Amino acid sequence: MTGQAFRVFLISLASLLAGLPLSLAAVSGLCALAGVGGIDRVHIVMVAGPVVWTCLWFGMLWVAGPQPGRRENGRPGSGSQDNSR
């Protein structure tokens, strides 16, 4: 497993173990602040909690993914620079 794949695996694991419960708790807290209770609150948390978690997960994977703009050979100064001195 490469370093990048291991990093993405750790991000996914952390998102699943910590992000899902925190997303459900955040949505439940927002429902409590809005005064929603009973079965309506349960339905909102069941739908919106996983949606928030999925957005958080993809955001974390996007941040952990490969950085754009890298050159093929990996050297930062090997672009098409003007060498007229």
N, C-alpha and C. Protein backbone atom coordinates (compact mmCIF):
# COMPACT_ATOMS: atom_id res chain seq x y z
N MET A 1 0.85 -1.16 0.00
CA MET A 1 0.00 0.00 0.00
C MET A 1 0.90 1.24 0.00
N THR A 2 0.64 2.14 -0.91
CA THR A 2 1.45 3.35 -1.00
C THR A 2 1.09 4.30 0.14
N GLY A 3 1.91 5.28 0.30
CA GLY A 3 1.67 6.27 1.36
C GLY A 3 0.38 7.04 1.14
N GLN A 4 0.10 7.37 -0.12
CA GLN A 4 -1.13 8.10 -0.43
C GLN A 4 -2.37 7.25 -0.16
N ALA A 5 -2.32 5.98 -0.52
CA ALA A 5 -3.46 5.09 -0.28
C ALA A 5 -3.67 4.88 1.22
N PHE A 6 -2.59 4.76 1.97
CA PHE A 6 -2.71 4.60 3.41
C PHE A 6 -3.30 5.86 4.06
N ARG A 7 -2.90 7.02 3.56
CA ARG A 7 -3.44 8.29 4.06
C ARG A 7 -4.93 8.39 3.80
N VAL A 8 -5.37 8.02 2.62
CA VAL A 8 -6.79 8.04 2.28
C VAL A 8 -7.56 7.03 3.14
N PHE A 9 -6.96 5.86 3.39
CA PHE A 9 -7.59 4.87 4.25
C PHE A 9 -7.77 5.40 5.67
N LEU A 10 -6.75 6.05 6.20
CA LEU A 10 -6.86 6.60 7.55
C LEU A 10 -7.91 7.71 7.63
N ILE A 11 -7.99 8.55 6.60
CA ILE A 11 -8.99 9.61 6.56
C ILE A 11 -10.38 8.99 6.52
N SER A 12 -10.56 7.95 5.72
CA SER A 12 -11.87 7.30 5.63
C SER A 12 -12.25 6.66 6.96
N LEU A 13 -11.31 6.02 7.61
CA LEU A 13 -11.58 5.37 8.89
C LEU A 13 -11.93 6.40 9.96
N ALA A 14 -11.19 7.50 10.01
CA ALA A 14 -11.47 8.55 10.98
C ALA A 14 -12.82 9.19 10.71
N SER A 15 -13.15 9.36 9.44
CA SER A 15 -14.44 9.94 9.08
C SER A 15 -15.58 9.03 9.49
N LEU A 16 -15.40 7.74 9.34
CA LEU A 16 -16.45 6.80 9.71
C LEU A 16 -16.61 6.72 11.22
N LEU A 17 -15.51 6.60 11.94
CA LEU A 17 -15.58 6.41 13.39
C LEU A 17 -15.94 7.68 14.15
N ALA A 18 -15.48 8.82 13.69
CA ALA A 18 -15.76 10.07 14.41
C ALA A 18 -16.76 10.96 13.68
N GLY A 19 -16.69 10.98 12.38
CA GLY A 19 -17.53 11.90 11.61
C GLY A 19 -19.00 11.56 11.61
N LEU A 20 -19.34 10.28 11.51
CA LEU A 20 -20.75 9.89 11.46
C LEU A 20 -21.46 10.20 12.78
N PRO A 21 -20.92 9.80 13.93
CA PRO A 21 -21.61 10.17 15.17
C PRO A 21 -21.69 11.68 15.40
N LEU A 22 -20.62 12.39 15.04
CA LEU A 22 -20.64 13.85 15.21
C LEU A 22 -21.65 14.51 14.27
N SER A 23 -21.79 14.00 13.06
CA SER A 23 -22.79 14.54 12.13
C SER A 23 -24.20 14.31 12.65
N LEU A 24 -24.46 13.10 13.15
CA LEU A 24 -25.78 12.82 13.70
C LEU A 24 -26.06 13.70 14.91
N ALA A 25 -25.07 13.89 15.77
CA ALA A 25 -25.25 14.73 16.95
C ALA A 25 -25.46 16.19 16.56
N ALA A 26 -24.75 16.66 15.55
CA ALA A 26 -24.91 18.06 15.12
C ALA A 26 -26.30 18.30 14.55
N VAL A 27 -26.78 17.38 13.72
CA VAL A 27 -28.12 17.53 13.15
C VAL A 27 -29.17 17.45 14.25
N SER A 28 -29.00 16.56 15.21
CA SER A 28 -29.93 16.44 16.32
C SER A 28 -29.93 17.71 17.17
N GLY A 29 -28.76 18.26 17.40
CA GLY A 29 -28.67 19.51 18.15
C GLY A 29 -29.34 20.67 17.44
N LEU A 30 -29.17 20.74 16.12
CA LEU A 30 -29.82 21.80 15.35
C LEU A 30 -31.33 21.64 15.39
N CYS A 31 -31.80 20.40 15.35
CA CYS A 31 -33.25 20.16 15.48
C CYS A 31 -33.75 20.59 16.85
N ALA A 32 -32.97 20.34 17.89
CA ALA A 32 -33.37 20.74 19.24
C ALA A 32 -33.43 22.27 19.34
N LEU A 33 -32.45 22.94 18.73
CA LEU A 33 -32.47 24.40 18.75
C LEU A 33 -33.66 24.97 17.99
N ALA A 34 -34.06 24.29 16.93
CA ALA A 34 -35.19 24.74 16.12
C ALA A 34 -36.52 24.35 16.74
N GLY A 35 -36.50 23.55 17.80
CA GLY A 35 -37.73 23.16 18.46
C GLY A 35 -38.45 21.98 17.83
N VAL A 36 -37.76 21.24 16.97
CA VAL A 36 -38.36 20.06 16.36
C VAL A 36 -38.22 18.90 17.32
N GLY A 37 -39.28 18.16 17.53
CA GLY A 37 -39.23 17.04 18.46
C GLY A 37 -40.00 15.85 17.94
N GLY A 38 -39.95 14.78 18.69
CA GLY A 38 -40.72 13.59 18.36
C GLY A 38 -40.21 12.86 17.14
N ILE A 39 -41.15 12.27 16.42
CA ILE A 39 -40.80 11.45 15.26
C ILE A 39 -40.26 12.29 14.10
N ASP A 40 -40.66 13.56 14.03
CA ASP A 40 -40.12 14.43 12.98
C ASP A 40 -38.61 14.62 13.16
N ARG A 41 -38.20 14.78 14.40
CA ARG A 41 -36.77 14.94 14.68
C ARG A 41 -36.00 13.67 14.30
N VAL A 42 -36.56 12.52 14.61
CA VAL A 42 -35.91 11.26 14.26
C VAL A 42 -35.76 11.14 12.75
N HIS A 43 -36.81 11.48 12.01
CA HIS A 43 -36.74 11.39 10.55
C HIS A 43 -35.72 12.37 9.97
N ILE A 44 -35.69 13.56 10.50
CA ILE A 44 -34.71 14.55 10.00
C ILE A 44 -33.29 14.07 10.27
N VAL A 45 -33.05 13.55 11.46
CA VAL A 45 -31.70 13.08 11.80
C VAL A 45 -31.32 11.87 10.94
N MET A 46 -32.28 10.98 10.69
CA MET A 46 -31.99 9.79 9.88
C MET A 46 -31.67 10.15 8.43
N VAL A 47 -32.22 11.23 7.93
CA VAL A 47 -31.96 11.61 6.53
C VAL A 47 -30.79 12.60 6.44
N ALA A 48 -30.83 13.66 7.23
CA ALA A 48 -29.83 14.72 7.09
C ALA A 48 -28.48 14.33 7.70
N GLY A 49 -28.47 13.50 8.74
CA GLY A 49 -27.20 13.11 9.36
C GLY A 49 -26.25 12.41 8.40
N PRO A 50 -26.70 11.35 7.71
CA PRO A 50 -25.81 10.71 6.74
C PRO A 50 -25.45 11.60 5.55
N VAL A 51 -26.33 12.52 5.18
CA VAL A 51 -26.01 13.44 4.07
C VAL A 51 -24.88 14.37 4.50
N VAL A 52 -24.97 14.91 5.71
CA VAL A 52 -23.89 15.77 6.22
C VAL A 52 -22.60 14.97 6.33
N TRP A 53 -22.69 13.73 6.82
CA TRP A 53 -21.50 12.90 6.95
C TRP A 53 -20.86 12.61 5.59
N THR A 54 -21.68 12.33 4.58
CA THR A 54 -21.15 12.06 3.24
C THR A 54 -20.43 13.28 2.67
N CYS A 55 -21.01 14.45 2.84
CA CYS A 55 -20.34 15.67 2.38
C CYS A 55 -19.02 15.89 3.12
N LEU A 56 -19.02 15.64 4.42
CA LEU A 56 -17.80 15.76 5.20
C LEU A 56 -16.75 14.77 4.75
N TRP A 57 -17.18 13.54 4.48
CA TRP A 57 -16.25 12.49 4.05
C TRP A 57 -15.61 12.83 2.71
N PHE A 58 -16.43 13.24 1.73
CA PHE A 58 -15.87 13.59 0.43
C PHE A 58 -14.98 14.81 0.52
N GLY A 59 -15.33 15.75 1.39
CA GLY A 59 -14.46 16.91 1.59
C GLY A 59 -13.12 16.52 2.16
N MET A 60 -13.13 15.61 3.12
CA MET A 60 -11.87 15.15 3.71
C MET A 60 -11.04 14.37 2.70
N LEU A 61 -11.68 13.55 1.88
CA LEU A 61 -10.96 12.82 0.85
C LEU A 61 -10.39 13.76 -0.21
N TRP A 62 -11.12 14.83 -0.52
CA TRP A 62 -10.64 15.80 -1.50
C TRP A 62 -9.39 16.49 -0.97
N VAL A 63 -9.39 16.83 0.31
CA VAL A 63 -8.22 17.46 0.91
C VAL A 63 -7.05 16.48 0.99
N ALA A 64 -7.33 15.21 1.28
CA ALA A 64 -6.27 14.21 1.42
C ALA A 64 -5.75 13.69 0.09
N GLY A 65 -6.45 13.96 -0.99
CA GLY A 65 -6.08 13.42 -2.30
C GLY A 65 -4.82 14.05 -2.85
N PRO A 66 -4.41 13.60 -4.03
CA PRO A 66 -3.20 14.14 -4.64
C PRO A 66 -3.39 15.61 -5.01
N GLN A 67 -2.34 16.37 -4.85
CA GLN A 67 -2.40 17.79 -5.13
C GLN A 67 -2.29 18.03 -6.64
N PRO A 68 -3.12 18.91 -7.20
CA PRO A 68 -3.06 19.18 -8.64
C PRO A 68 -1.82 20.01 -8.99
N GLY A 69 -1.43 19.94 -10.24
CA GLY A 69 -0.34 20.75 -10.73
C GLY A 69 1.03 20.15 -10.57
N ARG A 70 1.12 18.90 -10.21
CA ARG A 70 2.44 18.26 -10.10
C ARG A 70 2.92 17.85 -11.48
N ARG A 71 4.21 18.01 -11.70
CA ARG A 71 4.78 17.62 -12.98
C ARG A 71 5.06 16.12 -12.99
N GLU A 72 5.23 15.57 -14.20
CA GLU A 72 5.42 14.12 -14.33
C GLU A 72 6.69 13.64 -13.65
N ASN A 73 7.78 14.37 -13.79
CA ASN A 73 9.04 13.90 -13.22
C ASN A 73 9.22 14.34 -11.77
N GLY A 74 8.31 15.14 -11.25
CA GLY A 74 8.33 15.49 -9.85
C GLY A 74 9.27 16.62 -9.47
N ARG A 75 10.04 17.15 -10.42
CA ARG A 75 10.94 18.24 -10.09
C ARG A 75 10.21 19.56 -10.28
N PRO A 76 10.25 20.48 -9.30
CA PRO A 76 9.50 21.71 -9.41
C PRO A 76 10.02 22.68 -10.47
N GLY A 77 11.29 22.65 -10.80
CA GLY A 77 11.85 23.61 -11.74
C GLY A 77 12.01 23.10 -13.16
N SER A 78 11.29 22.07 -13.54
CA SER A 78 11.51 21.47 -14.85
C SER A 78 10.45 21.88 -15.87
N GLY A 79 9.81 23.00 -15.65
CA GLY A 79 8.77 23.45 -16.57
C GLY A 79 9.35 24.16 -17.78
N SER A 80 8.51 24.75 -18.57
CA SER A 80 8.97 25.48 -19.76
C SER A 80 9.28 26.91 -19.33
N GLN A 81 10.48 27.11 -18.85
CA GLN A 81 10.91 28.43 -18.41
C GLN A 81 11.78 29.06 -19.49
N ASP A 82 11.75 30.39 -19.49
CA ASP A 82 12.57 31.12 -20.46
C ASP A 82 14.02 31.13 -19.96
N ASN A 83 14.91 30.50 -20.70
CA ASN A 83 16.31 30.40 -20.28
C ASN A 83 17.22 31.42 -20.96
N SER A 84 16.67 32.50 -21.48
CA SER A 84 17.50 33.50 -22.14
C SER A 84 18.07 34.42 -21.08
N ARG A 85 19.40 34.31 -20.87
CA ARG A 85 20.09 35.15 -19.88
C ARG A 85 21.12 36.00 -20.51
